[in-house]
Protein backbone atom coordinates (compact mmCIF):
# COMPACT_ATOMS: atom_id res chain seq x y z
CA MET A 1 151.56 -126.58 152.19
CA THR A 2 150.17 -129.23 154.45
CA ASP A 3 153.53 -130.53 155.68
CA GLN A 4 154.25 -128.19 158.55
CA SER A 5 154.81 -127.91 162.25
CA ASP A 6 151.48 -126.72 163.66
CA SER A 7 151.00 -126.32 167.39
CA LEU A 8 149.45 -124.35 170.18
CA VAL A 9 152.25 -123.07 172.37
CA THR A 10 152.67 -121.38 175.73
CA ILE A 11 155.26 -118.63 175.96
CA GLN A 12 156.58 -117.98 179.44
CA THR A 13 157.95 -114.47 179.81
CA ASP A 14 157.80 -111.58 182.23
CA GLY A 15 156.37 -113.86 184.91
CA VAL A 16 153.26 -114.75 182.89
CA GLU A 17 152.14 -117.43 180.45
CA LEU A 18 150.95 -116.24 177.04
CA GLU A 19 149.06 -118.48 174.62
CA GLY A 20 150.19 -118.66 171.01
CA GLU A 21 149.88 -120.52 167.75
CA LEU A 22 153.06 -121.45 165.91
CA GLN A 23 152.87 -122.76 162.34
CA VAL A 24 156.02 -123.43 160.34
CA PRO A 25 155.79 -124.81 156.79
CA ALA A 26 158.35 -127.37 155.74
CA ASP A 27 161.51 -125.68 154.44
CA ALA A 28 160.36 -122.31 155.80
CA THR A 29 162.70 -119.47 154.84
CA GLY A 30 161.73 -117.25 157.76
CA LEU A 31 159.33 -116.63 160.62
CA VAL A 32 156.99 -113.69 161.15
CA ILE A 33 155.95 -112.84 164.71
CA PHE A 34 152.64 -110.95 164.92
CA ALA A 35 151.98 -108.12 167.37
CA HIS A 36 148.27 -107.34 167.48
CA GLY A 37 146.70 -104.04 168.39
CA SER A 38 144.91 -103.03 171.58
CA GLY A 39 141.70 -104.90 172.29
CA SER A 40 142.67 -107.70 169.92
CA SER A 41 144.26 -111.13 170.39
CA ARG A 42 146.07 -113.89 168.56
CA LYS A 43 142.68 -114.83 167.08
CA SER A 44 142.34 -111.51 165.22
CA PRO A 45 140.64 -112.46 161.93
CA ARG A 46 142.65 -109.85 160.02
CA ASN A 47 145.99 -111.06 161.31
CA THR A 48 144.93 -114.69 160.87
CA PHE A 49 144.13 -113.97 157.23
CA VAL A 50 147.51 -112.33 156.65
CA ALA A 51 149.27 -115.19 158.43
CA ASP A 52 147.55 -117.73 156.16
CA GLN A 53 148.83 -115.86 153.10
CA LEU A 54 152.36 -115.66 154.50
CA ARG A 55 152.46 -119.42 155.01
CA GLU A 56 151.43 -119.89 151.39
CA ARG A 57 154.70 -118.12 150.59
CA GLY A 58 156.66 -120.56 152.74
CA LEU A 59 157.00 -118.39 155.84
CA GLY A 60 156.36 -119.53 159.39
CA THR A 61 154.07 -117.52 161.65
CA LEU A 62 153.67 -117.00 165.38
CA LEU A 63 150.48 -115.36 166.59
CA PHE A 64 150.34 -114.91 170.35
CA ASP A 65 148.50 -112.95 173.02
CA LEU A 66 150.64 -110.07 174.22
CA LEU A 67 148.51 -109.77 177.38
CA THR A 68 146.86 -112.17 179.78
CA GLU A 69 143.06 -112.15 179.96
CA ALA A 70 143.15 -110.11 183.16
CA GLU A 71 145.56 -107.57 181.70
CA ASP A 72 143.51 -107.23 178.54
CA ARG A 73 140.48 -106.11 180.57
CA ARG A 74 142.33 -102.96 181.66
CA ARG A 75 142.46 -100.16 179.13
CA GLU A 76 145.67 -98.70 180.55
CA THR A 77 147.44 -102.03 180.03
CA ARG A 78 146.25 -102.29 176.42
CA PHE A 79 147.99 -99.01 175.65
CA ASP A 80 151.14 -99.72 177.67
CA ILE A 81 153.59 -99.77 174.75
CA ASP A 82 156.54 -100.51 177.03
CA LEU A 83 154.76 -103.63 178.29
CA LEU A 84 153.71 -104.73 174.79
CA THR A 85 157.30 -104.30 173.61
CA ASP A 86 158.65 -106.35 176.52
CA ARG A 87 156.20 -109.15 175.69
CA LEU A 88 157.22 -109.11 172.02
CA LEU A 89 160.88 -109.24 173.02
CA GLY A 90 160.07 -112.14 175.34
CA ALA A 91 158.37 -114.00 172.50
CA THR A 92 161.41 -113.33 170.32
CA GLU A 93 163.68 -114.88 172.94
CA TRP A 94 161.31 -117.86 173.12
CA VAL A 95 161.53 -118.26 169.33
CA ARG A 96 165.33 -118.17 169.47
CA ASP A 97 165.32 -120.86 172.18
CA ASN A 98 162.88 -123.11 170.29
CA PRO A 99 164.69 -125.73 168.15
CA THR A 100 162.00 -125.50 165.45
CA THR A 101 162.50 -121.77 164.92
CA ALA A 102 165.93 -120.93 166.35
CA GLY A 103 167.66 -120.66 162.97
CA LEU A 104 164.94 -118.84 161.01
CA THR A 105 165.28 -115.26 159.81
CA LEU A 106 162.83 -113.12 161.80
CA GLY A 107 160.28 -110.49 160.87
CA TYR A 108 157.60 -108.62 162.80
CA PHE A 109 154.07 -107.82 161.58
CA GLY A 110 152.45 -105.18 163.79
CA SER A 111 148.99 -103.65 163.65
CA SER A 112 147.72 -100.54 165.46
CA THR A 113 149.54 -100.24 168.82
CA GLY A 114 151.27 -103.54 168.10
CA ALA A 115 153.17 -101.82 165.28
CA ALA A 116 154.76 -99.47 167.82
CA ALA A 117 155.85 -102.49 169.84
CA ALA A 118 157.22 -104.08 166.67
CA LEU A 119 159.35 -101.06 165.81
CA ARG A 120 160.61 -100.69 169.37
CA ALA A 121 161.47 -104.38 169.58
CA ALA A 122 163.20 -104.25 166.19
CA ALA A 123 165.32 -101.34 167.41
CA GLU A 124 166.23 -103.36 170.50
CA ARG A 125 167.07 -106.57 168.60
CA GLY A 126 169.08 -104.86 165.86
CA ASP A 127 170.20 -107.17 163.06
CA ASP A 128 168.36 -110.13 164.60
CA VAL A 129 165.15 -108.81 162.98
CA ALA A 130 165.36 -108.52 159.20
CA ALA A 131 162.01 -106.95 158.33
CA VAL A 132 159.01 -105.17 159.83
CA VAL A 133 155.57 -104.58 158.31
CA SER A 134 153.06 -102.26 159.95
CA ARG A 135 149.32 -102.37 159.12
CA GLY A 136 147.48 -99.22 160.12
CA GLY A 137 150.15 -98.84 162.78
CA ARG A 138 150.48 -96.26 165.51
CA VAL A 139 154.16 -96.10 164.70
CA ASP A 140 154.27 -92.57 166.11
CA LEU A 141 154.35 -94.26 169.53
CA ALA A 142 157.80 -95.55 168.56
CA ALA A 143 159.09 -92.34 166.97
CA GLU A 144 161.89 -92.00 169.51
CA GLN A 145 163.25 -95.46 168.63
CA ALA A 146 162.76 -95.12 164.86
CA PRO A 147 166.33 -94.00 164.03
CA ASP A 148 167.67 -97.17 165.71
CA VAL A 149 165.64 -99.60 163.56
CA THR A 150 167.84 -101.51 161.10
CA ALA A 151 165.14 -103.92 159.83
CA ALA A 152 163.69 -103.16 156.39
CA THR A 153 160.36 -101.53 157.23
CA ARG A 154 157.16 -101.24 155.17
CA LEU A 155 154.29 -99.11 156.46
CA ILE A 156 150.86 -100.05 155.06
CA VAL A 157 148.18 -97.41 155.64
CA GLY A 158 144.66 -96.84 154.38
CA GLY A 159 144.28 -93.77 152.21
CA ALA A 160 141.12 -92.76 154.09
CA ASP A 161 142.83 -93.21 157.47
CA THR A 162 144.12 -89.67 157.17
CA GLN A 163 145.38 -89.04 160.71
CA VAL A 164 147.29 -92.31 160.92
CA LEU A 165 148.64 -91.76 157.40
CA GLU A 166 150.06 -88.40 158.43
CA LEU A 167 151.65 -89.92 161.54
CA ASN A 168 153.16 -92.73 159.46
CA ARG A 169 154.69 -90.29 157.00
CA GLU A 170 156.31 -88.39 159.86
CA VAL A 171 157.87 -91.58 161.24
CA LEU A 172 158.96 -92.62 157.73
CA ASP A 173 161.15 -89.52 157.64
CA ALA A 174 162.75 -90.55 160.95
CA LEU A 175 163.60 -94.10 159.84
CA THR A 176 167.14 -94.59 158.52
CA CYS A 177 166.72 -98.23 157.41
CA GLU A 178 165.36 -99.45 154.08
CA THR A 179 161.78 -98.15 154.06
CA ASP A 180 158.60 -98.10 152.03
CA ILE A 181 155.11 -96.72 152.57
CA ALA A 182 152.21 -98.37 150.79
CA VAL A 183 148.92 -96.49 150.75
CA VAL A 184 145.82 -98.58 150.05
CA GLU A 185 143.61 -96.01 148.38
CA GLY A 186 140.16 -95.59 149.91
CA ALA A 187 140.83 -97.94 152.81
CA GLY A 188 139.99 -97.03 156.39
CA HIS A 189 141.82 -98.04 159.54
CA LEU A 190 140.53 -101.62 159.55
CA PHE A 191 140.82 -102.36 155.79
CA GLU A 192 137.27 -103.70 155.71
CA GLY A 193 136.47 -102.86 152.08
CA GLU A 194 136.37 -105.43 149.30
CA GLY A 195 139.84 -106.65 148.43
CA GLU A 196 141.59 -104.33 150.89
CA LEU A 197 142.81 -106.97 153.31
CA GLU A 198 143.96 -109.09 150.37
CA THR A 199 146.04 -106.11 149.24
CA VAL A 200 147.55 -105.84 152.73
CA ALA A 201 148.44 -109.54 152.69
CA ASP A 202 150.04 -109.23 149.25
CA LEU A 203 152.08 -106.19 150.30
CA ALA A 204 153.22 -107.88 153.51
CA GLY A 205 153.97 -111.18 151.80
CA GLU A 206 156.02 -109.49 149.10
CA TRP A 207 158.08 -107.56 151.67
CA PHE A 208 158.75 -110.53 153.91
CA ALA A 209 159.51 -112.87 150.99
CA ASP A 210 162.11 -110.38 149.75
CA HIS A 211 163.77 -109.87 153.14
CA LEU A 212 163.43 -113.16 155.02
CA SER A 213 164.79 -115.52 152.39
C-alpha cells in the first residue's frame, strides 16, 4: 500500500513536544497507537516491524516517543507508569484532534511497561479504544485498572518468559472485557528467536483487523 499519509509529527502534550511517525494507508479501517517499553523509543525495531505488518492489513499506525530525550535518561522516569499513561492519553487526544485520524477506530499496542500504560489509558478512554494488544507486557502494573478496561484485549507472551507469563495470567483473570492470551512457545521476553516476532505481528494484526474494522 504505497498510497498513504506518511509524516513525521510533533505531539504537544503535558508541556512537552514528543516526536512521532504517523502512517495511514488509504482507506484505513483503524489506527493503532504504539506505547513502547522503558529504554526504547518510536524507532524500536520490534515495534517498527509490527507496525509495518499492521499497515499491510490496512491499519494506520502512530509510533511516538513517550518521553523527551532528557526524561529518557532518568531511570525513574522510564518506569513512571502514571507519566507514560498521561503521555499516551495526550497522544490519543492529538489523534482525535487531527483531521487525518479523527474518525478512525483506535487501538493500542503496548510492549513491556508501555503495555501497562496502554491498559490504563484504555480504562480511562472507555469505548473510545476498541482493542489493546500487549507484547511481553508488564500488565501487572495496571492490575488496579484492569476491571475498567472495555477494549478487547489480547496478551501475547513468550512461553519461556515465565515470570511475565504468570503476571499476565493473573491480570487476565481480572479483565472483564473480551480477552485472549496467546503464548508463543519457547519465546523469551524479546521474541528474538526465528519467526517469533513474525508470530507476534500475525497475532496482533489478526486481533486489530477483527476489532478495528
